[in-house]
Amino acid sequence: MTRAVRARIAFAAKVELAHHPLVKLWLRSVGSFFVRRGQVDRKAIRAGLEVLRRRLALGIFAEGTRSLDGRLQPFEDGAAYWAPGPGPDRPAGRGAAGGGEADRRGHPFLESPL
């Protein structure tokens, strides 16, 4: 994804990844932060809002997981905390849900390079 949009993306990563010291170090070094899933994680919400306030790219996994068949699944409620308001913000890409589709304003989604 970062190669597709040519931007540094701060990802909201599941806190379970912080249990792996090298993964934790790498994610922190690229500006990512950890999210406790299944609860309202106010610290993560503030961290994501700070990324957006600084006009940086925020990468989220709105479904909270991967699907076995690659189809888009329902979004978790927490994704709405960082939903774009009025302005030029729009999704830059999405996982393995397919291609050639557009957002509600007709802008094409970019496929993830992964």
C-alpha atoms as a PDB file:
ATOM      1  CA  MET A   1       0.000   0.000   0.000  1.00  0.00           C
ATOM      2  CA  THR A   2       2.738   2.470   0.881  1.00  0.00           C
ATOM      3  CA  ARG A   3       4.286   1.987  -2.554  1.00  0.00           C
ATOM      4  CA  ALA A   4       0.946   2.469  -4.282  1.00  0.00           C
ATOM      5  CA  VAL A   5       0.268   5.863  -2.713  1.00  0.00           C
ATOM      6  CA  ARG A   6       3.917   6.913  -2.365  1.00  0.00           C
ATOM      7  CA  ALA A   7       3.334   8.176   1.146  1.00  0.00           C
ATOM      8  CA  ARG A   8       4.377   7.196   4.613  1.00  0.00           C
ATOM      9  CA  ILE A   9       1.347   5.588   6.221  1.00  0.00           C
ATOM     10  CA  ALA A  10       0.807   5.351   9.974  1.00  0.00           C
ATOM     11  CA  PHE A  11      -1.126   2.140  10.489  1.00  0.00           C
ATOM     12  CA  ALA A  12      -3.503   1.317  13.308  1.00  0.00           C
ATOM     13  CA  ALA A  13      -2.137  -2.112  14.224  1.00  0.00           C
ATOM     14  CA  LYS A  14      -3.671  -4.676  16.541  1.00  0.00           C
ATOM     15  CA  VAL A  15      -2.042  -4.632  19.976  1.00  0.00           C
ATOM     16  CA  GLU A  16      -1.195  -8.327  19.686  1.00  0.00           C
ATOM     17  CA  LEU A  17       1.600  -7.330  17.287  1.00  0.00           C
ATOM     18  CA  ALA A  18       3.271  -5.387  20.113  1.00  0.00           C
ATOM     19  CA  HIS A  19       4.081  -8.720  21.796  1.00  0.00           C
ATOM     20  CA  HIS A  20       6.760  -9.303  19.154  1.00  0.00           C
ATOM     21  CA  PRO A  21       9.659  -6.961  20.049  1.00  0.00           C
ATOM     22  CA  LEU A  22      11.054  -6.514  16.523  1.00  0.00           C
ATOM     23  CA  VAL A  23       7.606  -6.017  14.985  1.00  0.00           C
ATOM     24  CA  LYS A  24       6.744  -3.518  17.710  1.00  0.00           C
ATOM     25  CA  LEU A  25       9.984  -1.597  17.139  1.00  0.00           C
ATOM     26  CA  TRP A  26       9.463  -1.505  13.368  1.00  0.00           C
ATOM     27  CA  LEU A  27       5.805  -0.427  13.588  1.00  0.00           C
ATOM     28  CA  ARG A  28       6.652   2.353  16.041  1.00  0.00           C
ATOM     29  CA  SER A  29       9.551   3.501  13.836  1.00  0.00           C
ATOM     30  CA  VAL A  30       7.205   4.064  10.890  1.00  0.00           C
ATOM     31  CA  GLY A  31       4.707   6.031  12.991  1.00  0.00           C
ATOM     32  CA  SER A  32       2.149   3.299  13.581  1.00  0.00           C
ATOM     33  CA  PHE A  33       0.236   2.841  16.829  1.00  0.00           C
ATOM     34  CA  PHE A  34      -1.537  -0.033  18.516  1.00  0.00           C
ATOM     35  CA  VAL A  35      -5.272  -0.614  18.958  1.00  0.00           C
ATOM     36  CA  ARG A  36      -6.920  -2.795  21.601  1.00  0.00           C
ATOM     37  CA  ARG A  37      -9.675  -4.501  19.658  1.00  0.00           C
ATOM     38  CA  GLY A  38     -13.079  -5.281  21.141  1.00  0.00           C
ATOM     39  CA  GLN A  39     -13.219  -2.171  23.314  1.00  0.00           C
ATOM     40  CA  VAL A  40     -13.206   1.610  23.014  1.00  0.00           C
ATOM     41  CA  ASP A  41      -9.493   2.397  22.915  1.00  0.00           C
ATOM     42  CA  ARG A  42      -9.383   6.146  23.531  1.00  0.00           C
ATOM     43  CA  LYS A  43      -5.592   6.266  23.348  1.00  0.00           C
ATOM     44  CA  ALA A  44      -5.679   4.747  19.854  1.00  0.00           C
ATOM     45  CA  ILE A  45      -8.492   7.070  18.786  1.00  0.00           C
ATOM     46  CA  ARG A  46      -6.427  10.083  19.882  1.00  0.00           C
ATOM     47  CA  ALA A  47      -3.324   8.707  18.140  1.00  0.00           C
ATOM     48  CA  GLY A  48      -5.237   8.288  14.871  1.00  0.00           C
ATOM     49  CA  LEU A  49      -6.756  11.748  15.130  1.00  0.00           C
ATOM     50  CA  GLU A  50      -3.280  13.182  15.707  1.00  0.00           C
ATOM     51  CA  VAL A  51      -2.037  11.472  12.531  1.00  0.00           C
ATOM     52  CA  LEU A  52      -4.912  13.051  10.607  1.00  0.00           C
ATOM     53  CA  ARG A  53      -4.429  16.452  12.289  1.00  0.00           C
ATOM     54  CA  ARG A  54      -0.835  16.402  11.025  1.00  0.00           C
ATOM     55  CA  ARG A  55      -2.264  15.731   7.510  1.00  0.00           C
ATOM     56  CA  LEU A  56      -0.480  12.381   7.302  1.00  0.00           C
ATOM     57  CA  ALA A  57      -1.854   9.160   5.829  1.00  0.00           C
ATOM     58  CA  LEU A  58      -3.690   6.867   8.252  1.00  0.00           C
ATOM     59  CA  GLY A  59      -3.956   3.191   7.364  1.00  0.00           C
ATOM     60  CA  ILE A  60      -6.744   1.246   9.013  1.00  0.00           C
ATOM     61  CA  PHE A  61      -8.141  -2.230   8.674  1.00  0.00           C
ATOM     62  CA  ALA A  62     -11.788  -1.247   9.015  1.00  0.00           C
ATOM     63  CA  GLU A  63     -13.003  -4.840   8.944  1.00  0.00           C
ATOM     64  CA  GLY A  64     -10.824  -5.712  11.939  1.00  0.00           C
ATOM     65  CA  THR A  65      -9.591  -8.895  10.275  1.00  0.00           C
ATOM     66  CA  ARG A  66      -9.037 -10.622   6.947  1.00  0.00           C
ATOM     67  CA  SER A  67     -11.647 -12.631   5.120  1.00  0.00           C
ATOM     68  CA  LEU A  68     -10.936 -16.144   3.910  1.00  0.00           C
ATOM     69  CA  ASP A  69     -12.478 -15.520   0.483  1.00  0.00           C
ATOM     70  CA  GLY A  70     -11.165 -11.976  -0.094  1.00  0.00           C
ATOM     71  CA  ARG A  71     -14.611 -10.388  -0.017  1.00  0.00           C
ATOM     72  CA  LEU A  72     -15.194  -7.131   1.793  1.00  0.00           C
ATOM     73  CA  GLN A  73     -16.700  -7.747   5.232  1.00  0.00           C
ATOM     74  CA  PRO A  74     -18.743  -5.352   7.415  1.00  0.00           C
ATOM     75  CA  PHE A  75     -16.686  -2.605   9.020  1.00  0.00           C
ATOM     76  CA  GLU A  76     -16.174  -2.505  12.761  1.00  0.00           C
ATOM     77  CA  ASP A  77     -17.733   0.492  14.516  1.00  0.00           C
ATOM     78  CA  GLY A  78     -14.365   1.895  15.583  1.00  0.00           C
ATOM     79  CA  ALA A  79     -13.397   2.686  11.987  1.00  0.00           C
ATOM     80  CA  ALA A  80     -15.937   5.531  12.029  1.00  0.00           C
ATOM     81  CA  TYR A  81     -13.869   7.496  14.563  1.00  0.00           C
ATOM     82  CA  TRP A  82     -11.409   8.286  11.795  1.00  0.00           C
ATOM     83  CA  ALA A  83     -13.861   8.597   8.912  1.00  0.00           C
ATOM     84  CA  PRO A  84     -13.131  11.592   6.709  1.00  0.00           C
ATOM     85  CA  GLY A  85     -15.314  14.640   7.057  1.00  0.00           C
ATOM     86  CA  PRO A  86     -15.962  17.184   4.313  1.00  0.00           C
ATOM     87  CA  GLY A  87     -12.955  17.781   2.108  1.00  0.00           C
ATOM     88  CA  PRO A  88     -10.566  16.028  -0.258  1.00  0.00           C
ATOM     89  CA  ASP A  89      -9.975  12.951   1.910  1.00  0.00           C
ATOM     90  CA  ARG A  90     -10.880   9.612   0.385  1.00  0.00           C
ATOM     91  CA  PRO A  91      -9.811   5.995   0.626  1.00  0.00           C
ATOM     92  CA  ALA A  92      -6.519   5.386  -1.154  1.00  0.00           C
ATOM     93  CA  GLY A  93      -6.807   1.645  -1.343  1.00  0.00           C
ATOM     94  CA  ARG A  94      -8.186  -1.468   0.174  1.00  0.00           C
ATOM     95  CA  GLY A  95      -7.231  -5.069   0.668  1.00  0.00           C
ATOM     96  CA  ALA A  96      -8.002  -8.068  -1.446  1.00  0.00           C
ATOM     97  CA  ALA A  97     -11.666  -7.265  -2.064  1.00  0.00           C
ATOM     98  CA  GLY A  98     -11.340  -6.923  -5.822  1.00  0.00           C
ATOM     99  CA  GLY A  99     -10.652  -4.123  -8.233  1.00  0.00           C
ATOM    100  CA  GLY A 100     -12.057  -1.646 -10.665  1.00  0.00           C
ATOM    101  CA  GLU A 101     -14.534  -0.222  -8.185  1.00  0.00           C
ATOM    102  CA  ALA A 102     -14.987   3.388  -7.102  1.00  0.00           C
ATOM    103  CA  ASP A 103     -15.992   5.232  -3.966  1.00  0.00           C
ATOM    104  CA  ARG A 104     -19.315   7.051  -3.736  1.00  0.00           C
ATOM    105  CA  ARG A 105     -17.846  10.121  -5.498  1.00  0.00           C
ATOM    106  CA  GLY A 106     -16.578   8.105  -8.453  1.00  0.00           C
ATOM    107  CA  HIS A 107     -12.905   8.112  -7.482  1.00  0.00           C
ATOM    108  CA  PRO A 108     -11.267   4.763  -8.247  1.00  0.00           C
ATOM    109  CA  PHE A 109      -9.869   2.665  -5.434  1.00  0.00           C
ATOM    110  CA  LEU A 110      -6.239   1.737  -5.812  1.00  0.00           C
ATOM    111  CA  GLU A 111      -5.450  -1.886  -5.256  1.00  0.00           C
ATOM    112  CA  SER A 112      -2.932  -2.744  -2.607  1.00  0.00           C
ATOM    113  CA  PRO A 113       0.373  -3.915  -4.080  1.00  0.00           C
ATOM    114  CA  LEU A 114       0.436  -6.792  -1.577  1.00  0.00           C
END
